Amino acid sequence: MTPFTKLTGVAAPLPLANVDTDKIIPARHLKTIQRTGLGKFLFDTLRYKEDGSENPDFVLNREPYRHAEILIAYENFGCGSSREHAPWALLDFGIRCVIAPDFADIFHGNSFKNGILPIKLPRAICEQLMEDSRLGANARVTVDLERQVVIRPNGEEIPFEVDPLRRKMLLEGLDEIGQTLGHTRAIDAYEATQQPWLAGPGTTALMEPRP
């Protein structure tokens, strides 16, 4: 997983509340278990017309938002079914940070597991950031996870809070498996003590009773 330290990029405004996971990626695109290739289906029903052509009114179909790395939305982002394909689609499109007043719990957790930083900020601040983002490519937003601040184009710094463990894992580019593997030596030592038969054939520990 790519570490998340500091990101400066185009922010796309999505002034919608209760954006559910089926809106993020419809169920018909969930047949794959691959994490790549899903970006083209992101917000499928909003991005495309019935004939398959692009909807020119949707923000991600316009410049510079085609290259957005930050998405700003309203309350309850990621509600609905608990599909991990939703953060996969966002990440494959290029979005590494979503800013909203709050998130559905499962989506919130899945985002961290896949290298996306969900930031909770009051709606009034989200509205300010949306106004900034409507200025286009010249209004680039910076997200500094190390300092835990969002920096507006005018230089104003907006603090945010992230769970310390999740922050550490994002900074180091670790998912839960990667974090566990970081303790391999301790795990091996514990297993050798508590389960001596794992040491392999030929060890005298195999014949010793377990404490």
C-alpha atoms as a PDB file:
ATOM      1  CA  MET A   1       0.000   0.000   0.000  1.00  0.00           C
ATOM      2  CA  THR A   2       1.362   3.421  -0.920  1.00  0.00           C
ATOM      3  CA  PRO A   3       2.137   5.556   2.167  1.00  0.00           C
ATOM      4  CA  PHE A   4       0.043   8.676   2.673  1.00  0.00           C
ATOM      5  CA  THR A   5       2.067  11.558   4.076  1.00  0.00           C
ATOM      6  CA  LYS A   6       1.271  14.820   2.286  1.00  0.00           C
ATOM      7  CA  LEU A   7      -0.994  15.286  -0.710  1.00  0.00           C
ATOM      8  CA  THR A   8      -1.477  18.400  -2.824  1.00  0.00           C
ATOM      9  CA  GLY A   9      -3.986  18.067  -5.599  1.00  0.00           C
ATOM     10  CA  VAL A  10      -7.202  19.053  -7.313  1.00  0.00           C
ATOM     11  CA  ALA A  11     -10.270  18.775  -5.087  1.00  0.00           C
ATOM     12  CA  ALA A  12     -13.611  17.915  -6.678  1.00  0.00           C
ATOM     13  CA  PRO A  13     -16.822  19.241  -5.097  1.00  0.00           C
ATOM     14  CA  LEU A  14     -19.654  16.719  -4.716  1.00  0.00           C
ATOM     15  CA  PRO A  15     -22.384  18.635  -2.841  1.00  0.00           C
ATOM     16  CA  LEU A  16     -24.467  15.573  -2.004  1.00  0.00           C
ATOM     17  CA  ALA A  17     -25.390  13.924   1.289  1.00  0.00           C
ATOM     18  CA  ASN A  18     -26.049  10.205   1.858  1.00  0.00           C
ATOM     19  CA  VAL A  19     -23.932   9.078  -1.079  1.00  0.00           C
ATOM     20  CA  ASP A  20     -24.248   5.311  -0.698  1.00  0.00           C
ATOM     21  CA  THR A  21     -21.856   2.629  -1.896  1.00  0.00           C
ATOM     22  CA  ASP A  22     -24.191   1.657  -4.723  1.00  0.00           C
ATOM     23  CA  LYS A  23     -23.926   5.218  -5.987  1.00  0.00           C
ATOM     24  CA  ILE A  24     -20.137   5.056  -5.662  1.00  0.00           C
ATOM     25  CA  ILE A  25     -20.033   1.799  -7.651  1.00  0.00           C
ATOM     26  CA  PRO A  26     -23.229  -0.028  -8.713  1.00  0.00           C
ATOM     27  CA  ALA A  27     -23.701  -3.678  -7.765  1.00  0.00           C
ATOM     28  CA  ARG A  28     -23.462  -4.847 -11.381  1.00  0.00           C
ATOM     29  CA  HIS A  29     -19.740  -4.038 -11.337  1.00  0.00           C
ATOM     30  CA  LEU A  30     -18.934  -6.171  -8.288  1.00  0.00           C
ATOM     31  CA  LYS A  31     -18.186  -9.415 -10.107  1.00  0.00           C
ATOM     32  CA  THR A  32     -14.431  -8.934  -9.923  1.00  0.00           C
ATOM     33  CA  ILE A  33     -12.215  -9.343  -6.868  1.00  0.00           C
ATOM     34  CA  GLN A  34      -9.443  -7.323  -8.527  1.00  0.00           C
ATOM     35  CA  ARG A  35      -8.740  -3.909  -7.033  1.00  0.00           C
ATOM     36  CA  THR A  36      -7.738  -2.376 -10.357  1.00  0.00           C
ATOM     37  CA  GLY A  37      -9.881  -1.352 -13.307  1.00  0.00           C
ATOM     38  CA  LEU A  38     -12.811  -0.138 -11.213  1.00  0.00           C
ATOM     39  CA  GLY A  39     -12.119   3.578 -11.589  1.00  0.00           C
ATOM     40  CA  LYS A  40     -14.031   3.713 -14.863  1.00  0.00           C
ATOM     41  CA  PHE A  41     -17.167   2.607 -12.994  1.00  0.00           C
ATOM     42  CA  LEU A  42     -16.865   5.177 -10.203  1.00  0.00           C
ATOM     43  CA  PHE A  43     -20.182   7.061  -9.830  1.00  0.00           C
ATOM     44  CA  ASP A  44     -21.348   5.178 -12.921  1.00  0.00           C
ATOM     45  CA  THR A  45     -24.974   6.341 -12.828  1.00  0.00           C
ATOM     46  CA  LEU A  46     -23.890   9.966 -12.388  1.00  0.00           C
ATOM     47  CA  ARG A  47     -21.006  10.010 -14.866  1.00  0.00           C
ATOM     48  CA  TYR A  48     -22.724   8.337 -17.797  1.00  0.00           C
ATOM     49  CA  LYS A  49     -25.983   8.679 -19.673  1.00  0.00           C
ATOM     50  CA  GLU A  50     -28.160   5.692 -20.592  1.00  0.00           C
ATOM     51  CA  ASP A  51     -26.444   5.436 -23.987  1.00  0.00           C
ATOM     52  CA  GLY A  52     -23.045   5.134 -22.300  1.00  0.00           C
ATOM     53  CA  SER A  53     -21.833   8.611 -23.180  1.00  0.00           C
ATOM     54  CA  GLU A  54     -20.432  10.947 -20.549  1.00  0.00           C
ATOM     55  CA  ASN A  55     -22.717  13.286 -18.656  1.00  0.00           C
ATOM     56  CA  PRO A  56     -21.043  16.689 -19.207  1.00  0.00           C
ATOM     57  CA  ASP A  57     -22.729  18.091 -16.099  1.00  0.00           C
ATOM     58  CA  PHE A  58     -21.049  15.686 -13.687  1.00  0.00           C
ATOM     59  CA  VAL A  59     -18.012  17.138 -11.959  1.00  0.00           C
ATOM     60  CA  LEU A  60     -15.579  14.276 -12.656  1.00  0.00           C
ATOM     61  CA  ASN A  61     -16.239  14.595 -16.396  1.00  0.00           C
ATOM     62  CA  ARG A  62     -14.931  18.160 -16.431  1.00  0.00           C
ATOM     63  CA  GLU A  63     -11.438  19.593 -16.292  1.00  0.00           C
ATOM     64  CA  PRO A  64      -9.545  19.810 -14.030  1.00  0.00           C
ATOM     65  CA  TYR A  65     -11.633  17.439 -11.909  1.00  0.00           C
ATOM     66  CA  ARG A  66     -10.913  14.483 -14.188  1.00  0.00           C
ATOM     67  CA  HIS A  67      -7.609  14.433 -12.316  1.00  0.00           C
ATOM     68  CA  ALA A  68      -9.019  14.978  -8.836  1.00  0.00           C
ATOM     69  CA  GLU A  69      -7.185  13.375  -5.922  1.00  0.00           C
ATOM     70  CA  ILE A  70      -9.442  14.822  -3.228  1.00  0.00           C
ATOM     71  CA  LEU A  71     -13.239  14.595  -3.037  1.00  0.00           C
ATOM     72  CA  ILE A  72     -15.387  16.872  -0.875  1.00  0.00           C
ATOM     73  CA  ALA A  73     -18.920  15.770  -0.018  1.00  0.00           C
ATOM     74  CA  TYR A  74     -21.637  16.127   2.618  1.00  0.00           C
ATOM     75  CA  GLU A  75     -22.958  13.970   5.460  1.00  0.00           C
ATOM     76  CA  ASN A  76     -23.077  10.183   5.672  1.00  0.00           C
ATOM     77  CA  PHE A  77     -20.731   9.492   2.771  1.00  0.00           C
ATOM     78  CA  GLY A  78     -20.364   5.783   1.985  1.00  0.00           C
ATOM     79  CA  CYS A  79     -23.605   4.592   3.566  1.00  0.00           C
ATOM     80  CA  GLY A  80     -25.426   1.494   2.312  1.00  0.00           C
ATOM     81  CA  SER A  81     -23.983  -1.960   1.749  1.00  0.00           C
ATOM     82  CA  SER A  82     -20.511  -2.795   3.040  1.00  0.00           C
ATOM     83  CA  ARG A  83     -18.770  -3.251  -0.304  1.00  0.00           C
ATOM     84  CA  GLU A  84     -14.991  -2.849  -0.312  1.00  0.00           C
ATOM     85  CA  HIS A  85     -15.234  -2.165  -4.050  1.00  0.00           C
ATOM     86  CA  ALA A  86     -16.269   1.419  -3.165  1.00  0.00           C
ATOM     87  CA  PRO A  87     -12.844   2.517  -1.873  1.00  0.00           C
ATOM     88  CA  TRP A  88     -11.219   0.374  -4.587  1.00  0.00           C
ATOM     89  CA  ALA A  89     -13.071   2.388  -7.256  1.00  0.00           C
ATOM     90  CA  LEU A  90     -12.184   5.716  -5.659  1.00  0.00           C
ATOM     91  CA  LEU A  91      -8.525   4.760  -5.379  1.00  0.00           C
ATOM     92  CA  ASP A  92      -8.340   3.397  -8.926  1.00  0.00           C
ATOM     93  CA  PHE A  93      -9.764   6.678 -10.227  1.00  0.00           C
ATOM     94  CA  GLY A  94      -7.026   8.523  -8.342  1.00  0.00           C
ATOM     95  CA  ILE A  95      -8.831   9.813  -5.248  1.00  0.00           C
ATOM     96  CA  ARG A  96      -6.798   9.333  -2.061  1.00  0.00           C
ATOM     97  CA  CYS A  97      -8.717  11.583   0.314  1.00  0.00           C
ATOM     98  CA  VAL A  98     -12.415  12.191   0.958  1.00  0.00           C
ATOM     99  CA  ILE A  99     -13.498  15.117   3.130  1.00  0.00           C
ATOM    100  CA  ALA A 100     -17.016  15.132   4.577  1.00  0.00           C
ATOM    101  CA  PRO A 101     -18.831  15.947   7.836  1.00  0.00           C
ATOM    102  CA  ASP A 102     -19.111  12.241   8.616  1.00  0.00           C
ATOM    103  CA  PHE A 103     -18.933   8.780   7.046  1.00  0.00           C
ATOM    104  CA  ALA A 104     -20.688   5.452   7.315  1.00  0.00           C
ATOM    105  CA  ASP A 105     -18.690   3.304   9.749  1.00  0.00           C
ATOM    106  CA  ILE A 106     -17.846   0.392   7.427  1.00  0.00           C
ATOM    107  CA  PHE A 107     -16.826   2.643   4.545  1.00  0.00           C
ATOM    108  CA  HIS A 108     -14.739   4.697   6.960  1.00  0.00           C
ATOM    109  CA  GLY A 109     -12.832   1.600   8.081  1.00  0.00           C
ATOM    110  CA  ASN A 110     -12.470   0.186   4.568  1.00  0.00           C
ATOM    111  CA  SER A 111     -10.972   3.470   3.379  1.00  0.00           C
ATOM    112  CA  PHE A 112      -8.076   3.267   5.824  1.00  0.00           C
ATOM    113  CA  LYS A 113      -7.479  -0.372   4.910  1.00  0.00           C
ATOM    114  CA  ASN A 114      -7.056   0.601   1.259  1.00  0.00           C
ATOM    115  CA  GLY A 115      -4.900   3.710   1.581  1.00  0.00           C
ATOM    116  CA  ILE A 116      -7.635   6.363   1.432  1.00  0.00           C
ATOM    117  CA  LEU A 117      -7.770   9.067   4.097  1.00  0.00           C
ATOM    118  CA  PRO A 118     -11.326  10.011   5.176  1.00  0.00           C
ATOM    119  CA  ILE A 119     -11.337  13.366   6.967  1.00  0.00           C
ATOM    120  CA  LYS A 120     -14.260  14.549   9.076  1.00  0.00           C
ATOM    121  CA  LEU A 121     -14.792  18.308   9.070  1.00  0.00           C
ATOM    122  CA  PRO A 122     -17.896  20.398   9.895  1.00  0.00           C
ATOM    123  CA  ARG A 123     -20.292  21.038   7.035  1.00  0.00           C
ATOM    124  CA  ALA A 124     -19.555  24.771   7.060  1.00  0.00           C
ATOM    125  CA  ILE A 125     -15.875  24.059   6.423  1.00  0.00           C
ATOM    126  CA  CYS A 126     -16.731  21.505   3.721  1.00  0.00           C
ATOM    127  CA  GLU A 127     -18.774  24.204   2.015  1.00  0.00           C
ATOM    128  CA  GLN A 128     -15.799  26.576   2.162  1.00  0.00           C
ATOM    129  CA  LEU A 129     -13.561  23.928   0.615  1.00  0.00           C
ATOM    130  CA  MET A 130     -16.129  23.329  -2.105  1.00  0.00           C
ATOM    131  CA  GLU A 131     -16.104  27.022  -2.942  1.00  0.00           C
ATOM    132  CA  ASP A 132     -12.303  26.853  -3.112  1.00  0.00           C
ATOM    133  CA  SER A 133     -12.440  23.819  -5.381  1.00  0.00           C
ATOM    134  CA  ARG A 134     -14.787  25.525  -7.835  1.00  0.00           C
ATOM    135  CA  LEU A 135     -11.909  27.830  -8.753  1.00  0.00           C
ATOM    136  CA  GLY A 136     -10.434  24.935 -10.726  1.00  0.00           C
ATOM    137  CA  ALA A 137      -6.817  23.898 -11.162  1.00  0.00           C
ATOM    138  CA  ASN A 138      -5.523  27.048  -9.478  1.00  0.00           C
ATOM    139  CA  ALA A 139      -7.260  26.110  -6.231  1.00  0.00           C
ATOM    140  CA  ARG A 140      -5.197  23.135  -5.142  1.00  0.00           C
ATOM    141  CA  VAL A 141      -5.776  21.789  -1.651  1.00  0.00           C
ATOM    142  CA  THR A 142      -3.063  20.267   0.528  1.00  0.00           C
ATOM    143  CA  VAL A 143      -3.700  17.474   3.015  1.00  0.00           C
ATOM    144  CA  ASP A 144      -0.844  17.002   5.458  1.00  0.00           C
ATOM    145  CA  LEU A 145      -1.387  13.833   7.470  1.00  0.00           C
ATOM    146  CA  GLU A 146       1.818  14.196   9.460  1.00  0.00           C
ATOM    147  CA  ARG A 147       0.686  17.585  10.819  1.00  0.00           C
ATOM    148  CA  GLN A 148      -3.027  16.702  10.557  1.00  0.00           C
ATOM    149  CA  VAL A 149      -4.045  19.853   8.717  1.00  0.00           C
ATOM    150  CA  VAL A 150      -5.894  20.686   5.506  1.00  0.00           C
ATOM    151  CA  ILE A 151      -4.398  23.750   3.843  1.00  0.00           C
ATOM    152  CA  ARG A 152      -6.724  25.918   1.754  1.00  0.00           C
ATOM    153  CA  PRO A 153      -5.480  27.729  -1.378  1.00  0.00           C
ATOM    154  CA  ASN A 154      -5.306  30.962   0.655  1.00  0.00           C
ATOM    155  CA  GLY A 155      -2.919  29.331   3.127  1.00  0.00           C
ATOM    156  CA  GLU A 156      -5.406  28.882   5.962  1.00  0.00           C
ATOM    157  CA  GLU A 157      -4.750  25.672   7.903  1.00  0.00           C
ATOM    158  CA  ILE A 158      -7.696  23.600   9.104  1.00  0.00           C
ATOM    159  CA  PRO A 159      -6.847  20.963  11.750  1.00  0.00           C
ATOM    160  CA  PHE A 160      -8.384  17.509  11.722  1.00  0.00           C
ATOM    161  CA  GLU A 161      -8.079  14.434  13.904  1.00  0.00           C
ATOM    162  CA  VAL A 162      -7.381  10.831  12.940  1.00  0.00           C
ATOM    163  CA  ASP A 163      -7.140   7.761  15.146  1.00  0.00           C
ATOM    164  CA  PRO A 164      -3.409   7.500  16.065  1.00  0.00           C
ATOM    165  CA  LEU A 165      -3.051   3.868  14.997  1.00  0.00           C
ATOM    166  CA  ARG A 166      -4.788   4.424  11.662  1.00  0.00           C
ATOM    167  CA  ARG A 167      -2.699   7.535  11.090  1.00  0.00           C
ATOM    168  CA  LYS A 168       0.495   5.558  11.729  1.00  0.00           C
ATOM    169  CA  MET A 169      -0.574   2.775   9.364  1.00  0.00           C
ATOM    170  CA  LEU A 170      -1.358   5.242   6.558  1.00  0.00           C
ATOM    171  CA  LEU A 171       1.910   7.105   7.050  1.00  0.00           C
ATOM    172  CA  GLU A 172       3.808   3.819   6.805  1.00  0.00           C
ATOM    173  CA  GLY A 173       1.677   2.376   3.998  1.00  0.00           C
ATOM    174  CA  LEU A 174       0.491  -0.585   6.034  1.00  0.00           C
ATOM    175  CA  ASP A 175      -2.786  -2.460   5.986  1.00  0.00           C
ATOM    176  CA  GLU A 176      -3.749  -4.812   8.829  1.00  0.00           C
ATOM    177  CA  ILE A 177      -1.761  -7.702   7.341  1.00  0.00           C
ATOM    178  CA  GLY A 178       1.305  -5.523   6.858  1.00  0.00           C
ATOM    179  CA  GLN A 179       1.045  -4.283  10.419  1.00  0.00           C
ATOM    180  CA  THR A 180       0.886  -7.870  11.707  1.00  0.00           C
ATOM    181  CA  LEU A 181       3.899  -8.913   9.618  1.00  0.00           C
ATOM    182  CA  GLY A 182       5.865  -6.159  11.287  1.00  0.00           C
ATOM    183  CA  HIS A 183       5.706  -8.240  14.462  1.00  0.00           C
ATOM    184  CA  THR A 184       6.922 -11.465  12.819  1.00  0.00           C
ATOM    185  CA  ARG A 185       9.823 -12.002  15.215  1.00  0.00           C
ATOM    186  CA  ALA A 186       7.635 -11.604  18.281  1.00  0.00           C
ATOM    187  CA  ILE A 187       4.999 -13.907  16.777  1.00  0.00           C
ATOM    188  CA  ASP A 188       7.615 -16.569  15.962  1.00  0.00           C
ATOM    189  CA  ALA A 189       9.063 -16.345  19.462  1.00  0.00           C
ATOM    190  CA  TYR A 190       5.631 -16.715  21.016  1.00  0.00           C
ATOM    191  CA  GLU A 191       4.732 -19.683  18.834  1.00  0.00           C
ATOM    192  CA  ALA A 192       8.025 -21.410  19.641  1.00  0.00           C
ATOM    193  CA  THR A 193       7.283 -21.032  23.342  1.00  0.00           C
ATOM    194  CA  GLN A 194       3.600 -21.862  23.372  1.00  0.00           C
ATOM    195  CA  GLN A 195       3.515 -24.400  20.525  1.00  0.00           C
ATOM    196  CA  PRO A 196       6.922 -26.105  20.422  1.00  0.00           C
ATOM    197  CA  TRP A 197       5.780 -28.664  17.823  1.00  0.00           C
ATOM    198  CA  LEU A 198       5.966 -25.837  15.260  1.00  0.00           C
ATOM    199  CA  ALA A 199       9.750 -25.855  15.655  1.00  0.00           C
ATOM    200  CA  GLY A 200       9.948 -28.836  13.317  1.00  0.00           C
ATOM    201  CA  PRO A 201      11.169 -32.426  13.545  1.00  0.00           C
ATOM    202  CA  GLY A 202      14.246 -33.281  15.569  1.00  0.00           C
ATOM    203  CA  THR A 203      13.681 -30.824  18.397  1.00  0.00           C
ATOM    204  CA  THR A 204      13.656 -32.047  21.977  1.00  0.00           C
ATOM    205  CA  ALA A 205      10.884 -29.562  22.688  1.00  0.00           C
ATOM    206  CA  LEU A 206       8.502 -31.941  20.956  1.00  0.00           C
ATOM    207  CA  MET A 207       8.842 -34.389  23.819  1.00  0.00           C
ATOM    208  CA  GLU A 208       8.472 -31.837  26.590  1.00  0.00           C
ATOM    209  CA  PRO A 209       5.080 -31.303  28.221  1.00  0.00           C
ATOM    210  CA  ARG A 210       3.477 -27.933  27.663  1.00  0.00           C
ATOM    211  CA  PRO A 211       3.651 -25.681  30.770  1.00  0.00           C
END
